[in-house]
Amino acid sequence: MTKRTTPFSPEVRERAVRRVRDHEGEHGLAKQPARTHSDAALMTEIQRVFEANVCASGARKVRRRLARQGCYPA
């Protein structure tokens, strides 16, 4: 059999393997991107504003009310 080499350096391959393992959660809790944490915090704010208006607000009203309160969603 012939030895097959990969076109990537060992460091690049190791980083890719680590990224996959972290994503699968093999090393404890999977690392989450910062966007996931900010989205979770924003969801609680959106839910609070939506329920404060008896669940009758549309996306525009919720967004405007959040902006008035200093929370600027994307």
Protein backbone atom coordinates (compact mmCIF):
# COMPACT_ATOMS: atom_id res chain seq x y z
CA MET A 1 0.00 0.00 0.00
CA THR A 2 1.09 3.52 -0.64
CA LYS A 3 1.14 6.21 1.96
CA ARG A 4 -1.47 8.81 1.21
CA THR A 5 -0.79 12.40 2.25
CA THR A 6 -3.27 15.16 2.72
CA PRO A 7 -2.79 18.50 0.95
CA PHE A 8 -3.14 20.33 4.29
CA SER A 9 -0.53 20.98 6.93
CA PRO A 10 -0.90 19.06 10.20
CA GLU A 11 -1.83 22.25 12.07
CA VAL A 12 -4.67 23.02 9.68
CA ARG A 13 -5.96 19.47 9.83
CA GLU A 14 -5.75 19.39 13.63
CA ARG A 15 -7.67 22.65 13.89
CA ALA A 16 -10.38 21.35 11.55
CA VAL A 17 -10.68 18.10 13.51
CA ARG A 18 -10.90 20.03 16.78
CA ARG A 19 -13.59 22.27 15.32
CA VAL A 20 -15.67 19.25 14.29
CA ARG A 21 -15.24 17.57 17.67
CA ASP A 22 -16.21 20.74 19.52
CA HIS A 23 -19.24 21.12 17.32
CA GLU A 24 -20.33 17.56 18.06
CA GLY A 25 -19.82 18.15 21.76
CA GLU A 26 -17.35 15.33 22.34
CA HIS A 27 -15.30 17.50 24.69
CA GLY A 28 -18.01 18.54 27.11
CA LEU A 29 -20.32 21.34 26.09
CA ALA A 30 -20.12 22.46 22.51
CA LYS A 31 -18.75 25.96 22.04
CA GLN A 32 -21.39 28.33 20.78
CA PRO A 33 -20.74 31.40 18.66
CA ALA A 34 -21.20 34.78 20.32
CA ARG A 35 -24.16 35.42 18.01
CA THR A 36 -26.03 32.54 19.62
CA HIS A 37 -25.71 34.11 23.07
CA SER A 38 -26.75 37.56 21.87
CA ASP A 39 -29.72 36.08 20.00
CA ALA A 40 -30.87 34.27 23.13
CA ALA A 41 -30.73 37.50 25.15
CA LEU A 42 -32.54 39.38 22.40
CA MET A 43 -35.27 36.73 22.22
CA THR A 44 -36.15 37.29 25.88
CA GLU A 45 -36.43 41.04 25.26
CA ILE A 46 -38.58 40.53 22.15
CA GLN A 47 -40.83 38.12 24.04
CA ARG A 48 -41.20 40.58 26.92
CA VAL A 49 -42.17 43.48 24.62
CA PHE A 50 -44.52 41.29 22.59
CA GLU A 51 -46.35 39.99 25.67
CA ALA A 52 -46.53 43.47 27.22
CA ASN A 53 -48.77 44.51 24.32
CA VAL A 54 -51.12 41.53 24.79
CA CYS A 55 -49.41 39.63 21.95
CA ALA A 56 -50.84 42.05 19.39
CA SER A 57 -47.65 43.74 18.18
CA GLY A 58 -46.17 43.10 14.80
CA ALA A 59 -42.47 42.98 14.01
CA ARG A 60 -42.27 46.71 13.24
CA LYS A 61 -43.89 47.77 16.52
CA VAL A 62 -41.72 45.41 18.55
CA ARG A 63 -38.59 46.65 16.82
CA ARG A 64 -39.49 50.30 17.37
CA ARG A 65 -40.32 49.75 21.03
CA LEU A 66 -37.02 47.92 21.57
CA ALA A 67 -35.17 50.80 19.88
CA ARG A 68 -36.92 53.28 22.19
CA GLN A 69 -35.73 51.27 25.17
CA GLY A 70 -32.14 51.27 23.89
CA CYS A 71 -32.01 47.70 22.61
CA TYR A 72 -31.17 47.72 18.90
CA PRO A 73 -31.89 44.39 17.18
CA ALA A 74 -30.24 43.68 13.86
